[in-house]
PDB file of all heavy atoms in Angstrom:
ATOM      1  N   LYS A   1      81.533 165.121 279.562  1.00  0.00           N
ATOM      2  CA  LYS A   1      80.462 164.669 278.667  1.00  0.00           C
ATOM      3  C   LYS A   1      79.855 165.878 277.958  1.00  0.00           C
ATOM      4  O   LYS A   1      79.548 166.897 278.574  1.00  0.00           O
ATOM      5  CB  LYS A   1      79.367 163.936 279.442  1.00  0.00           C
ATOM      6  CG  LYS A   1      78.259 163.388 278.548  1.00  0.00           C
ATOM      7  CD  LYS A   1      77.287 162.530 279.318  1.00  0.00           C
ATOM      8  CE  LYS A   1      76.100 162.100 278.453  1.00  0.00           C
ATOM      9  NZ  LYS A   1      76.515 161.386 277.225  1.00  0.00           N
ATOM     10  N   GLY A   2      79.698 165.758 276.636  1.00  0.00           N
ATOM     11  CA  GLY A   2      79.150 166.859 275.855  1.00  0.00           C
ATOM     12  C   GLY A   2      80.179 167.879 275.403  1.00  0.00           C
ATOM     13  O   GLY A   2      79.820 168.929 274.861  1.00  0.00           O
ATOM     14  N   SER A   3      81.463 167.561 275.586  1.00  0.00           N
ATOM     15  CA  SER A   3      82.523 168.501 275.185  1.00  0.00           C
ATOM     16  C   SER A   3      82.938 168.260 273.739  1.00  0.00           C
ATOM     17  O   SER A   3      82.502 167.305 273.085  1.00  0.00           O
ATOM     18  CB  SER A   3      83.727 168.366 276.117  1.00  0.00           C
ATOM     19  OG  SER A   3      84.240 167.048 276.080  1.00  0.00           O
ATOM     20  N   PHE A   4      83.805 169.144 273.249  1.00  0.00           N
ATOM     21  CA  PHE A   4      84.259 169.109 271.865  1.00  0.00           C
ATOM     22  C   PHE A   4      85.776 168.914 271.821  1.00  0.00           C
ATOM     23  O   PHE A   4      86.499 169.449 272.661  1.00  0.00           O
ATOM     24  CB  PHE A   4      83.905 170.415 271.145  1.00  0.00           C
ATOM     25  CG  PHE A   4      82.429 170.668 271.038  1.00  0.00           C
ATOM     26  CD1 PHE A   4      81.762 171.358 272.051  1.00  0.00           C
ATOM     27  CD2 PHE A   4      81.706 170.230 269.944  1.00  0.00           C
ATOM     28  CE1 PHE A   4      80.399 171.601 271.964  1.00  0.00           C
ATOM     29  CE2 PHE A   4      80.339 170.468 269.847  1.00  0.00           C
ATOM     30  CZ  PHE A   4      79.686 171.144 270.863  1.00  0.00           C
ATOM     31  N   PHE A   5      86.231 168.163 270.804  1.00  0.00           N
ATOM     32  CA  PHE A   5      87.657 167.899 270.619  1.00  0.00           C
ATOM     33  C   PHE A   5      88.082 168.394 269.246  1.00  0.00           C
ATOM     34  O   PHE A   5      87.415 168.126 268.246  1.00  0.00           O
ATOM     35  CB  PHE A   5      87.939 166.400 270.737  1.00  0.00           C
ATOM     36  CG  PHE A   5      89.367 166.027 270.446  1.00  0.00           C
ATOM     37  CD1 PHE A   5      90.371 166.299 271.356  1.00  0.00           C
ATOM     38  CD2 PHE A   5      89.704 165.393 269.255  1.00  0.00           C
ATOM     39  CE1 PHE A   5      91.689 165.958 271.088  1.00  0.00           C
ATOM     40  CE2 PHE A   5      91.011 165.044 268.975  1.00  0.00           C
ATOM     41  CZ  PHE A   5      92.007 165.327 269.897  1.00  0.00           C
ATOM     42  N   LEU A   6      89.201 169.131 269.199  1.00  0.00           N
ATOM     43  CA  LEU A   6      89.760 169.631 267.940  1.00  0.00           C
ATOM     44  C   LEU A   6      91.208 169.183 267.832  1.00  0.00           C
ATOM     45  O   LEU A   6      91.941 169.186 268.824  1.00  0.00           O
ATOM     46  CB  LEU A   6      89.737 171.164 267.877  1.00  0.00           C
ATOM     47  CG  LEU A   6      88.422 171.896 267.614  1.00  0.00           C
ATOM     48  CD1 LEU A   6      87.490 171.828 268.818  1.00  0.00           C
ATOM     49  CD2 LEU A   6      88.697 173.364 267.271  1.00  0.00           C
ATOM     50  N   ASN A   7      91.641 168.849 266.618  1.00  0.00           N
ATOM     51  CA  ASN A   7      93.047 168.522 266.385  1.00  0.00           C
ATOM     52  C   ASN A   7      93.490 169.075 265.048  1.00  0.00           C
ATOM     53  O   ASN A   7      92.966 168.704 263.994  1.00  0.00           O
ATOM     54  CB  ASN A   7      93.281 167.011 266.414  1.00  0.00           C
ATOM     55  CG  ASN A   7      94.757 166.659 266.338  1.00  0.00           C
ATOM     56  OD1 ASN A   7      95.617 167.478 266.658  1.00  0.00           O
ATOM     57  ND2 ASN A   7      95.061 165.433 265.929  1.00  0.00           N
ATOM     58  N   VAL A   8      94.471 169.997 265.103  1.00  0.00           N
ATOM     59  CA  VAL A   8      95.078 170.528 263.879  1.00  0.00           C
ATOM     60  C   VAL A   8      96.594 170.353 263.905  1.00  0.00           C
ATOM     61  O   VAL A   8      97.290 170.878 263.040  1.00  0.00           O
ATOM     62  CB  VAL A   8      94.737 172.025 263.679  1.00  0.00           C
ATOM     63  CG1 VAL A   8      93.242 172.233 263.529  1.00  0.00           C
ATOM     64  CG2 VAL A   8      95.295 172.875 264.824  1.00  0.00           C
ATOM     65  N   GLY A   9      97.097 169.621 264.917  1.00  0.00           N
ATOM     66  CA  GLY A   9      98.541 169.444 265.043  1.00  0.00           C
ATOM     67  C   GLY A   9      99.032 168.302 264.183  1.00  0.00           C
ATOM     68  O   GLY A   9      99.408 168.491 263.029  1.00  0.00           O
ATOM     69  N   ARG A  10      99.019 167.103 264.739  1.00  0.00           N
ATOM     70  CA  ARG A  10      99.411 165.902 263.998  1.00  0.00           C
ATOM     71  C   ARG A  10      98.416 164.793 264.299  1.00  0.00           C
ATOM     72  O   ARG A  10      97.963 164.619 265.433  1.00  0.00           O
ATOM     73  CB  ARG A  10     100.827 165.457 264.385  1.00  0.00           C
ATOM     74  CG  ARG A  10     101.925 166.321 263.773  1.00  0.00           C
ATOM     75  CD  ARG A  10     101.955 166.186 262.254  1.00  0.00           C
ATOM     76  NE  ARG A  10     102.998 166.998 261.631  1.00  0.00           N
ATOM     77  CZ  ARG A  10     102.816 168.224 261.162  1.00  0.00           C
ATOM     78  NH1 ARG A  10     101.625 168.797 261.274  1.00  0.00           N
ATOM     79  NH2 ARG A  10     103.807 168.869 260.579  1.00  0.00           N
ATOM     80  N   GLY A  11      98.086 164.026 263.275  1.00  0.00           N
ATOM     81  CA  GLY A  11      97.078 162.989 263.411  1.00  0.00           C
ATOM     82  C   GLY A  11      97.458 161.889 264.374  1.00  0.00           C
ATOM     83  O   GLY A  11      96.584 161.283 265.005  1.00  0.00           O
ATOM     84  N   ASP A  12      98.769 161.619 264.505  1.00  0.00           N
ATOM     85  CA  ASP A  12      99.161 160.489 265.358  1.00  0.00           C
ATOM     86  C   ASP A  12      98.996 160.771 266.844  1.00  0.00           C
ATOM     87  O   ASP A  12      99.265 159.912 267.677  1.00  0.00           O
ATOM     88  CB  ASP A  12     100.583 160.025 265.030  1.00  0.00           C
ATOM     89  CG  ASP A  12     101.657 161.082 265.276  1.00  0.00           C
ATOM     90  OD1 ASP A  12     101.352 162.129 265.884  1.00  0.00           O
ATOM     91  OD2 ASP A  12     102.813 160.856 264.847  1.00  0.00           O
ATOM     92  N   LEU A  13      98.530 161.958 267.203  1.00  0.00           N
ATOM     93  CA  LEU A  13      98.135 162.222 268.588  1.00  0.00           C
ATOM     94  C   LEU A  13      96.967 161.340 268.995  1.00  0.00           C
ATOM     95  O   LEU A  13      96.820 160.972 270.161  1.00  0.00           O
ATOM     96  CB  LEU A  13      97.729 163.690 268.733  1.00  0.00           C
ATOM     97  CG  LEU A  13      97.201 164.117 270.101  1.00  0.00           C
ATOM     98  CD1 LEU A  13      98.324 164.692 270.941  1.00  0.00           C
ATOM     99  CD2 LEU A  13      96.054 165.112 269.975  1.00  0.00           C
ATOM    100  N   VAL A  14      96.112 160.976 268.020  1.00  0.00           N
ATOM    101  CA  VAL A  14      94.790 160.418 268.292  1.00  0.00           C
ATOM    102  C   VAL A  14      94.714 158.924 267.995  1.00  0.00           C
ATOM    103  O   VAL A  14      95.154 158.468 266.933  1.00  0.00           O
ATOM    104  CB  VAL A  14      93.714 161.161 267.461  1.00  0.00           C
ATOM    105  CG1 VAL A  14      92.327 160.569 267.688  1.00  0.00           C
ATOM    106  CG2 VAL A  14      93.718 162.645 267.811  1.00  0.00           C
ATOM    107  N   ASP A  15      94.126 158.180 268.925  1.00  0.00           N
ATOM    108  CA  ASP A  15      93.663 156.823 268.673  1.00  0.00           C
ATOM    109  C   ASP A  15      92.286 156.978 268.027  1.00  0.00           C
ATOM    110  O   ASP A  15      91.300 157.250 268.701  1.00  0.00           O
ATOM    111  CB  ASP A  15      93.572 156.054 269.990  1.00  0.00           C
ATOM    112  CG  ASP A  15      93.031 154.637 269.825  1.00  0.00           C
ATOM    113  OD1 ASP A  15      92.335 154.358 268.827  1.00  0.00           O
ATOM    114  OD2 ASP A  15      93.265 153.811 270.713  1.00  0.00           O
ATOM    115  N   THR A  16      92.239 156.842 266.714  1.00  0.00           N
ATOM    116  CA  THR A  16      91.012 157.168 265.984  1.00  0.00           C
ATOM    117  C   THR A  16      89.862 156.233 266.324  1.00  0.00           C
ATOM    118  O   THR A  16      88.700 156.649 266.344  1.00  0.00           O
ATOM    119  CB  THR A  16      91.275 157.163 264.466  1.00  0.00           C
ATOM    120  OG1 THR A  16      92.443 157.950 264.195  1.00  0.00           O
ATOM    121  CG2 THR A  16      90.100 157.779 263.704  1.00  0.00           C
ATOM    122  N   ASP A  17      90.159 154.979 266.616  1.00  0.00           N
ATOM    123  CA  ASP A  17      89.097 154.059 267.041  1.00  0.00           C
ATOM    124  C   ASP A  17      88.474 154.539 268.355  1.00  0.00           C
ATOM    125  O   ASP A  17      87.249 154.494 268.524  1.00  0.00           O
ATOM    126  CB  ASP A  17      89.654 152.645 267.215  1.00  0.00           C
ATOM    127  CG  ASP A  17      90.018 151.995 265.898  1.00  0.00           C
ATOM    128  OD1 ASP A  17      89.507 152.449 264.852  1.00  0.00           O
ATOM    129  OD2 ASP A  17      90.813 151.035 265.912  1.00  0.00           O
ATOM    130  N   ALA A  18      89.312 155.002 269.275  1.00  0.00           N
ATOM    131  CA  ALA A  18      88.804 155.503 270.558  1.00  0.00           C
ATOM    132  C   ALA A  18      87.974 156.762 270.354  1.00  0.00           C
ATOM    133  O   ALA A  18      86.941 156.957 271.018  1.00  0.00           O
ATOM    134  CB  ALA A  18      89.967 155.790 271.501  1.00  0.00           C
ATOM    135  N   LEU A  19      88.395 157.609 269.425  1.00  0.00           N
ATOM    136  CA  LEU A  19      87.619 158.814 269.125  1.00  0.00           C
ATOM    137  C   LEU A  19      86.257 158.448 268.542  1.00  0.00           C
ATOM    138  O   LEU A  19      85.230 159.011 268.936  1.00  0.00           O
ATOM    139  CB  LEU A  19      88.389 159.704 268.147  1.00  0.00           C
ATOM    140  CG  LEU A  19      87.640 160.936 267.631  1.00  0.00           C
ATOM    141  CD1 LEU A  19      87.227 161.859 268.775  1.00  0.00           C
ATOM    142  CD2 LEU A  19      88.498 161.688 266.612  1.00  0.00           C
ATOM    143  N   CYS A  20      86.240 157.495 267.627  1.00  0.00           N
ATOM    144  CA  CYS A  20      84.967 157.058 267.040  1.00  0.00           C
ATOM    145  C   CYS A  20      84.028 156.513 268.119  1.00  0.00           C
ATOM    146  O   CYS A  20      82.816 156.774 268.099  1.00  0.00           O
ATOM    147  CB  CYS A  20      85.219 156.000 265.966  1.00  0.00           C
ATOM    148  SG  CYS A  20      85.918 156.639 264.422  1.00  0.00           S
ATOM    149  N   GLN A  21      84.587 155.772 269.060  1.00  0.00           N
ATOM    150  CA  GLN A  21      83.759 155.232 270.151  1.00  0.00           C
ATOM    151  C   GLN A  21      83.186 156.350 271.007  1.00  0.00           C
ATOM    152  O   GLN A  21      82.019 156.302 271.412  1.00  0.00           O
ATOM    153  CB  GLN A  21      84.604 154.283 271.005  1.00  0.00           C
ATOM    154  CG  GLN A  21      84.993 152.984 270.306  1.00  0.00           C
ATOM    155  CD  GLN A  21      86.015 152.182 271.096  1.00  0.00           C
ATOM    156  OE1 GLN A  21      86.251 152.442 272.277  1.00  0.00           O
ATOM    157  NE2 GLN A  21      86.641 151.207 270.447  1.00  0.00           N
ATOM    158  N   ALA A  22      83.990 157.368 271.282  1.00  0.00           N
ATOM    159  CA  ALA A  22      83.531 158.492 272.103  1.00  0.00           C
ATOM    160  C   ALA A  22      82.444 159.288 271.397  1.00  0.00           C
ATOM    161  O   ALA A  22      81.516 159.809 272.031  1.00  0.00           O
ATOM    162  CB  ALA A  22      84.709 159.398 272.453  1.00  0.00           C
ATOM    163  N   LEU A  23      82.522 159.373 270.077  1.00  0.00           N
ATOM    164  CA  LEU A  23      81.480 160.049 269.298  1.00  0.00           C
ATOM    165  C   LEU A  23      80.216 159.195 269.228  1.00  0.00           C
ATOM    166  O   LEU A  23      79.107 159.698 269.389  1.00  0.00           O
ATOM    167  CB  LEU A  23      81.991 160.359 267.891  1.00  0.00           C
ATOM    168  CG  LEU A  23      83.045 161.462 267.773  1.00  0.00           C
ATOM    169  CD1 LEU A  23      83.655 161.461 266.374  1.00  0.00           C
ATOM    170  CD2 LEU A  23      82.454 162.834 268.087  1.00  0.00           C
ATOM    171  N   ALA A  24      80.387 157.900 268.969  1.00  0.00           N
ATOM    172  CA  ALA A  24      79.233 157.011 268.822  1.00  0.00           C
ATOM    173  C   ALA A  24      78.432 156.899 270.114  1.00  0.00           C
ATOM    174  O   ALA A  24      77.191 156.816 270.085  1.00  0.00           O
ATOM    175  CB  ALA A  24      79.702 155.621 268.382  1.00  0.00           C
TER     176      ALA A  24
END
């Protein structure tokens, strides 16, 4: 909790909906 996530590789690594939920 309170950590940071970075991605500069490929976008398909990420479930973007799940990322949005984790940010929200």
